[in-house]
Amino acid sequence: MSGLETAFYIIGITFMAIMLVLVIVLVVAVFVIRSKVNKIHAVVDEKINNLSHVMERGGEIAGTVFNTGKKILNKKK
């Protein structure tokens, strides 16, 4: 093999090794980002569930106040 051919082989092997490392890093980065997005999704989902519970409780309180006011008004008549 000539020197030029050997140089091209070395450059090709080096390029493939670098690309393999970059692909591995990219795959790891995708899994890390996916994990973080799932954690954020869980936190947001929990906060939405807590908010809906508070809203349901607020509706119950408003209904109780409304019914109590209705009873008081009916007693005055």
Protein backbone atom coordinates (compact mmCIF):
# COMPACT_ATOMS: atom_id res chain seq x y z
CA MET A 1 0.00 0.00 0.00
CA SER A 2 1.19 3.46 -0.77
CA GLY A 3 1.50 6.22 1.78
CA LEU A 4 -1.54 8.02 0.39
CA GLU A 5 -3.70 4.90 0.62
CA THR A 6 -2.58 4.29 4.19
CA ALA A 7 -3.36 7.90 5.08
CA PHE A 8 -6.89 7.55 3.68
CA TYR A 9 -7.44 4.35 5.67
CA ILE A 10 -6.24 6.03 8.85
CA ILE A 11 -8.45 9.07 8.21
CA GLY A 12 -11.43 6.78 7.47
CA ILE A 13 -10.94 4.70 10.60
CA THR A 14 -10.51 7.84 12.71
CA PHE A 15 -13.64 9.40 11.22
CA MET A 16 -15.69 6.24 11.86
CA ALA A 17 -14.44 6.05 15.46
CA ILE A 18 -15.33 9.69 16.09
CA MET A 19 -18.78 9.23 14.53
CA LEU A 20 -19.39 6.11 16.65
CA VAL A 21 -18.54 8.06 19.81
CA LEU A 22 -20.80 10.92 18.70
CA VAL A 23 -23.70 8.54 18.03
CA ILE A 24 -23.28 6.98 21.48
CA VAL A 25 -23.19 10.44 23.09
CA LEU A 26 -26.29 11.44 21.13
CA VAL A 27 -28.20 8.34 22.26
CA VAL A 28 -27.23 8.94 25.89
CA ALA A 29 -28.27 12.59 25.59
CA VAL A 30 -31.65 11.58 24.19
CA PHE A 31 -32.27 9.23 27.13
CA VAL A 32 -31.21 11.88 29.67
CA ILE A 33 -33.47 14.49 28.06
CA ARG A 34 -36.34 11.98 27.92
CA SER A 35 -35.89 11.23 31.61
CA LYS A 36 -35.96 14.92 32.50
CA VAL A 37 -39.07 15.52 30.37
CA ASN A 38 -40.81 12.59 32.07
CA LYS A 39 -39.96 14.02 35.50
CA ILE A 40 -41.31 17.43 34.49
CA HIS A 41 -44.44 15.77 33.11
CA ALA A 42 -44.98 13.94 36.40
CA VAL A 43 -44.61 17.16 38.41
CA VAL A 44 -47.02 19.06 36.14
CA ASP A 45 -49.50 16.18 36.23
CA GLU A 46 -49.36 16.12 40.02
CA LYS A 47 -49.93 19.88 40.22
CA ILE A 48 -52.88 19.65 37.84
CA ASN A 49 -54.39 16.87 39.97
CA ASN A 50 -53.91 18.98 43.11
CA LEU A 51 -55.49 21.98 41.40
CA SER A 52 -58.49 19.96 40.25
CA HIS A 53 -58.92 18.65 43.80
CA VAL A 54 -58.87 22.22 45.14
CA MET A 55 -61.39 23.29 42.52
CA GLU A 56 -63.70 20.40 43.40
CA ARG A 57 -63.40 21.31 47.07
CA GLY A 58 -64.16 24.95 46.23
CA GLY A 59 -67.27 23.84 44.38
CA GLU A 60 -68.41 21.82 47.37
CA ILE A 61 -67.90 24.80 49.68
CA ALA A 62 -69.74 27.14 47.31
CA GLY A 63 -72.61 24.66 47.07
CA THR A 64 -72.83 24.41 50.84
CA VAL A 65 -72.81 28.20 51.22
CA PHE A 66 -75.48 28.51 48.54
CA ASN A 67 -77.70 25.89 50.17
CA THR A 68 -77.25 27.43 53.62
CA GLY A 69 -78.13 30.87 52.29
CA LYS A 70 -81.17 29.43 50.56
CA LYS A 71 -82.33 27.81 53.82
CA ILE A 72 -81.83 31.05 55.74
CA LEU A 73 -83.81 33.03 53.16
CA ASN A 74 -86.62 30.45 53.20
CA LYS A 75 -86.82 30.63 57.04
CA LYS A 76 -87.22 34.42 56.93
CA LYS A 77 -90.31 34.19 54.69
